[in-house]
């Protein structure tokens, strides 16, 4: 996110740039930090079900020629795999 500050001086016009990065924790990060093993295990189970669905959806979309949607499901699958690995490492 960029903010520009315009300063008008009688003889000189100056533009000052400031760059700011705003970060906020995701629900996944908050859950991992909580160390709530029951909630983490429950989320792992939900994400494993979603992973199976993403794999099946990707194959189906590819089979009917919807390559863009298949790519979206592959990206979803890869994110789910990363999330599951992070959750398992937190237990």
N, C-alpha and C. Protein backbone atom coordinates (compact mmCIF):
# COMPACT_ATOMS: atom_id res chain seq x y z
N UNK A 1 0.84 -1.15 0.00
CA UNK A 1 0.00 0.00 0.00
C UNK A 1 0.90 1.23 0.00
N UNK A 2 0.62 2.16 -0.88
CA UNK A 2 1.45 3.35 -0.97
C UNK A 2 0.62 4.57 -0.64
N UNK A 3 1.22 5.46 0.09
CA UNK A 3 0.61 6.74 0.42
C UNK A 3 1.51 7.83 -0.14
N UNK A 4 0.94 8.82 -0.71
CA UNK A 4 1.70 9.94 -1.21
C UNK A 4 1.33 11.19 -0.44
N UNK A 5 2.33 11.91 -0.03
CA UNK A 5 2.13 13.15 0.69
C UNK A 5 2.61 14.28 -0.21
N UNK A 6 1.71 15.17 -0.55
CA UNK A 6 2.05 16.29 -1.41
C UNK A 6 2.28 17.51 -0.54
N UNK A 7 3.44 18.10 -0.68
CA UNK A 7 3.77 19.30 0.07
C UNK A 7 3.96 20.42 -0.94
N UNK A 8 3.21 21.48 -0.78
CA UNK A 8 3.35 22.62 -1.69
C UNK A 8 4.13 23.71 -0.99
N UNK A 9 5.24 24.04 -1.56
CA UNK A 9 6.05 25.13 -1.06
C UNK A 9 6.04 26.21 -2.12
N UNK A 10 6.22 27.43 -1.74
CA UNK A 10 6.14 28.51 -2.73
C UNK A 10 7.06 28.31 -3.93
N UNK A 11 8.25 27.88 -3.75
CA UNK A 11 9.18 27.76 -4.86
C UNK A 11 9.37 26.33 -5.34
N UNK A 12 9.06 25.35 -4.47
CA UNK A 12 9.37 23.96 -4.79
C UNK A 12 8.14 23.10 -4.52
N UNK A 13 7.78 22.25 -5.47
CA UNK A 13 6.75 21.24 -5.25
C UNK A 13 7.46 19.91 -5.02
N UNK A 14 7.22 19.29 -3.88
CA UNK A 14 7.91 18.06 -3.52
C UNK A 14 6.89 16.95 -3.30
N UNK A 15 7.22 15.77 -3.78
CA UNK A 15 6.41 14.58 -3.52
C UNK A 15 7.23 13.66 -2.64
N UNK A 16 6.68 13.31 -1.49
CA UNK A 16 7.34 12.37 -0.59
C UNK A 16 6.57 11.06 -0.64
N UNK A 17 7.28 9.98 -0.79
CA UNK A 17 6.65 8.66 -0.84
C UNK A 17 6.87 7.94 0.48
N UNK A 18 5.83 7.26 0.93
CA UNK A 18 5.95 6.40 2.11
C UNK A 18 5.32 5.06 1.76
N UNK A 19 6.00 3.98 2.03
CA UNK A 19 5.47 2.65 1.78
C UNK A 19 5.15 2.00 3.10
N UNK A 20 3.96 1.42 3.17
CA UNK A 20 3.51 0.79 4.41
C UNK A 20 3.00 -0.60 4.08
N UNK A 21 3.35 -1.56 4.90
CA UNK A 21 2.86 -2.92 4.74
C UNK A 21 2.02 -3.27 5.96
N UNK A 22 0.77 -3.58 5.72
CA UNK A 22 -0.12 -3.95 6.80
C UNK A 22 -0.23 -5.47 6.82
N UNK A 23 -0.06 -6.05 7.98
CA UNK A 23 -0.18 -7.51 8.08
C UNK A 23 -1.21 -7.85 9.14
N UNK A 24 -1.88 -8.93 8.92
CA UNK A 24 -2.85 -9.42 9.88
C UNK A 24 -2.76 -10.94 9.88
N UNK A 25 -2.87 -11.53 11.04
CA UNK A 25 -2.77 -13.00 11.13
C UNK A 25 -4.01 -13.63 10.54
N UNK A 26 -3.80 -14.77 9.92
CA UNK A 26 -4.92 -15.54 9.39
C UNK A 26 -5.53 -16.37 10.51
N UNK A 27 -6.72 -16.87 10.26
CA UNK A 27 -7.37 -17.74 11.25
C UNK A 27 -6.52 -18.98 11.50
N UNK A 28 -5.86 -19.47 10.46
CA UNK A 28 -5.00 -20.65 10.60
C UNK A 28 -3.83 -20.34 11.54
N UNK A 29 -3.20 -19.19 11.37
CA UNK A 29 -2.08 -18.81 12.24
C UNK A 29 -2.53 -18.65 13.70
N UNK A 30 -3.69 -18.06 13.88
CA UNK A 30 -4.22 -17.87 15.23
C UNK A 30 -4.50 -19.21 15.88
N UNK A 31 -5.08 -20.13 15.12
CA UNK A 31 -5.37 -21.47 15.66
C UNK A 31 -4.08 -22.20 16.02
N UNK A 32 -3.07 -22.12 15.18
CA UNK A 32 -1.79 -22.79 15.45
C UNK A 32 -1.18 -22.21 16.72
N UNK A 33 -1.23 -20.90 16.88
CA UNK A 33 -0.67 -20.28 18.08
C UNK A 33 -1.44 -20.66 19.34
N UNK A 34 -2.73 -20.98 19.20
CA UNK A 34 -3.55 -21.34 20.36
C UNK A 34 -3.15 -22.70 20.95
N UNK A 35 -2.53 -23.55 20.12
CA UNK A 35 -2.11 -24.90 20.53
C UNK A 35 -3.28 -25.78 20.99
N UNK A 36 -4.50 -25.47 20.52
CA UNK A 36 -5.69 -26.24 20.86
C UNK A 36 -5.71 -27.49 19.97
N UNK A 37 -5.22 -28.61 20.51
CA UNK A 37 -5.05 -29.83 19.71
C UNK A 37 -6.37 -30.36 19.16
N UNK A 38 -7.45 -30.25 19.95
CA UNK A 38 -8.74 -30.74 19.46
C UNK A 38 -9.21 -29.93 18.25
N UNK A 39 -9.08 -28.62 18.33
CA UNK A 39 -9.50 -27.77 17.22
C UNK A 39 -8.59 -27.98 16.01
N UNK A 40 -7.30 -28.14 16.25
CA UNK A 40 -6.36 -28.37 15.15
C UNK A 40 -6.68 -29.69 14.45
N UNK A 41 -6.93 -30.74 15.23
CA UNK A 41 -7.28 -32.04 14.63
C UNK A 41 -8.58 -31.97 13.85
N UNK A 42 -9.56 -31.23 14.37
CA UNK A 42 -10.83 -31.08 13.67
C UNK A 42 -10.63 -30.35 12.35
N UNK A 43 -9.79 -29.33 12.35
CA UNK A 43 -9.52 -28.59 11.12
C UNK A 43 -8.75 -29.45 10.12
N UNK A 44 -7.84 -30.27 10.60
CA UNK A 44 -7.12 -31.18 9.71
C UNK A 44 -8.12 -32.10 9.00
N UNK A 45 -9.06 -32.65 9.75
CA UNK A 45 -10.06 -33.54 9.14
C UNK A 45 -10.87 -32.80 8.08
N UNK A 46 -11.28 -31.56 8.37
CA UNK A 46 -12.06 -30.79 7.39
C UNK A 46 -11.23 -30.49 6.14
N UNK A 47 -9.98 -30.15 6.34
CA UNK A 47 -9.12 -29.82 5.20
C UNK A 47 -8.79 -31.07 4.38
N UNK A 48 -8.71 -32.24 5.01
CA UNK A 48 -8.48 -33.48 4.26
C UNK A 48 -9.67 -33.80 3.37
N UNK A 49 -10.89 -33.55 3.88
CA UNK A 49 -12.10 -33.76 3.06
C UNK A 49 -12.10 -32.77 1.89
N UNK A 50 -11.77 -31.51 2.18
CA UNK A 50 -11.71 -30.50 1.12
C UNK A 50 -10.63 -30.85 0.10
N UNK A 51 -9.53 -31.45 0.55
CA UNK A 51 -8.46 -31.86 -0.35
C UNK A 51 -8.94 -32.92 -1.32
N UNK A 52 -9.66 -33.90 -0.82
CA UNK A 52 -10.22 -34.94 -1.71
C UNK A 52 -11.15 -34.31 -2.73
N UNK A 53 -11.98 -33.37 -2.28
CA UNK A 53 -12.91 -32.70 -3.20
C UNK A 53 -12.16 -31.90 -4.26
N UNK A 54 -11.09 -31.21 -3.85
CA UNK A 54 -10.32 -30.41 -4.80
C UNK A 54 -9.66 -31.30 -5.86
N UNK A 55 -9.14 -32.44 -5.43
CA UNK A 55 -8.53 -33.38 -6.38
C UNK A 55 -9.57 -33.88 -7.37
N UNK A 56 -10.73 -34.31 -6.86
CA UNK A 56 -11.79 -34.81 -7.74
C UNK A 56 -12.30 -33.71 -8.68
N UNK A 57 -12.47 -32.50 -8.15
CA UNK A 57 -12.95 -31.39 -8.97
C UNK A 57 -11.96 -31.07 -10.08
N UNK A 58 -10.67 -31.04 -9.74
CA UNK A 58 -9.64 -30.73 -10.74
C UNK A 58 -9.67 -31.75 -11.87
N UNK A 59 -9.78 -33.01 -11.52
CA UNK A 59 -9.82 -34.06 -12.54
C UNK A 59 -11.07 -33.92 -13.41
N UNK A 60 -12.21 -33.64 -12.78
CA UNK A 60 -13.46 -33.53 -13.52
C UNK A 60 -13.45 -32.32 -14.45
N UNK A 61 -13.02 -31.16 -13.94
CA UNK A 61 -12.96 -29.97 -14.78
C UNK A 61 -12.02 -30.19 -15.96
N UNK A 62 -10.89 -30.83 -15.71
CA UNK A 62 -9.94 -31.09 -16.80
C UNK A 62 -10.56 -32.03 -17.83
N UNK A 63 -11.34 -33.00 -17.37
CA UNK A 63 -11.93 -33.98 -18.29
C UNK A 63 -12.98 -33.37 -19.21
N UNK A 64 -13.60 -32.27 -18.77
CA UNK A 64 -14.61 -31.64 -19.63
C UNK A 64 -14.08 -30.37 -20.29
N UNK A 65 -12.76 -30.16 -20.18
CA UNK A 65 -12.13 -29.07 -20.91
C UNK A 65 -12.16 -27.71 -20.24
N UNK A 66 -12.53 -27.65 -18.99
CA UNK A 66 -12.53 -26.38 -18.26
C UNK A 66 -11.19 -26.21 -17.54
N UNK A 67 -10.18 -25.90 -18.34
CA UNK A 67 -8.81 -25.86 -17.82
C UNK A 67 -8.61 -24.77 -16.77
N UNK A 68 -9.24 -23.63 -16.93
CA UNK A 68 -9.10 -22.56 -15.95
C UNK A 68 -9.62 -22.97 -14.59
N UNK A 69 -10.77 -23.62 -14.58
CA UNK A 69 -11.34 -24.07 -13.31
C UNK A 69 -10.50 -25.22 -12.74
N UNK A 70 -9.97 -26.06 -13.60
CA UNK A 70 -9.09 -27.15 -13.14
C UNK A 70 -7.84 -26.56 -12.49
N UNK A 71 -7.30 -25.51 -13.09
CA UNK A 71 -6.12 -24.86 -12.50
C UNK A 71 -6.43 -24.27 -11.13
N UNK A 72 -7.62 -23.68 -11.00
CA UNK A 72 -8.04 -23.14 -9.70
C UNK A 72 -8.10 -24.23 -8.64
N UNK A 73 -8.64 -25.38 -9.02
CA UNK A 73 -8.74 -26.49 -8.07
C UNK A 73 -7.36 -27.06 -7.72
N UNK A 74 -6.44 -27.06 -8.67
CA UNK A 74 -5.07 -27.51 -8.39
C UNK A 74 -4.41 -26.55 -7.40
N UNK A 75 -4.62 -25.26 -7.60
CA UNK A 75 -4.07 -24.27 -6.66
C UNK A 75 -4.69 -24.45 -5.28
N UNK A 76 -5.99 -24.70 -5.24
CA UNK A 76 -6.68 -24.96 -3.96
C UNK A 76 -6.09 -26.20 -3.29
N UNK A 77 -5.86 -27.25 -4.08
CA UNK A 77 -5.28 -28.48 -3.56
C UNK A 77 -3.92 -28.22 -2.94
N UNK A 78 -3.08 -27.46 -3.64
CA UNK A 78 -1.73 -27.18 -3.14
C UNK A 78 -1.77 -26.37 -1.85
N UNK A 79 -2.70 -25.42 -1.76
CA UNK A 79 -2.83 -24.63 -0.53
C UNK A 79 -3.31 -25.51 0.62
N UNK A 80 -4.26 -26.39 0.34
CA UNK A 80 -4.75 -27.30 1.38
C UNK A 80 -3.63 -28.20 1.89
N UNK A 81 -2.80 -28.69 1.00
CA UNK A 81 -1.67 -29.54 1.40
C UNK A 81 -0.73 -28.76 2.31
N UNK A 82 -0.42 -27.52 1.93
CA UNK A 82 0.46 -26.69 2.78
C UNK A 82 -0.18 -26.44 4.15
N UNK A 83 -1.47 -26.15 4.16
CA UNK A 83 -2.17 -25.90 5.43
C UNK A 83 -2.16 -27.14 6.33
N UNK A 84 -2.43 -28.29 5.74
CA UNK A 84 -2.44 -29.54 6.51
C UNK A 84 -1.06 -29.82 7.09
N UNK A 85 -0.03 -29.59 6.29
CA UNK A 85 1.34 -29.81 6.79
C UNK A 85 1.65 -28.87 7.97
N UNK A 86 1.24 -27.62 7.85
CA UNK A 86 1.47 -26.65 8.95
C UNK A 86 0.72 -27.07 10.21
N UNK A 87 -0.51 -27.53 10.03
CA UNK A 87 -1.32 -27.95 11.18
C UNK A 87 -0.72 -29.19 11.85
N UNK A 88 -0.29 -30.15 11.05
CA UNK A 88 0.30 -31.35 11.62
C UNK A 88 1.59 -31.03 12.37
N UNK A 89 2.36 -30.09 11.87
CA UNK A 89 3.59 -29.69 12.54
C UNK A 89 3.31 -29.00 13.87
N UNK A 90 2.12 -28.43 14.01
CA UNK A 90 1.77 -27.70 15.22
C UNK A 90 1.32 -28.62 16.37
N UNK A 91 1.02 -29.87 16.04
CA UNK A 91 0.52 -30.78 17.10
C UNK A 91 1.70 -31.32 17.89
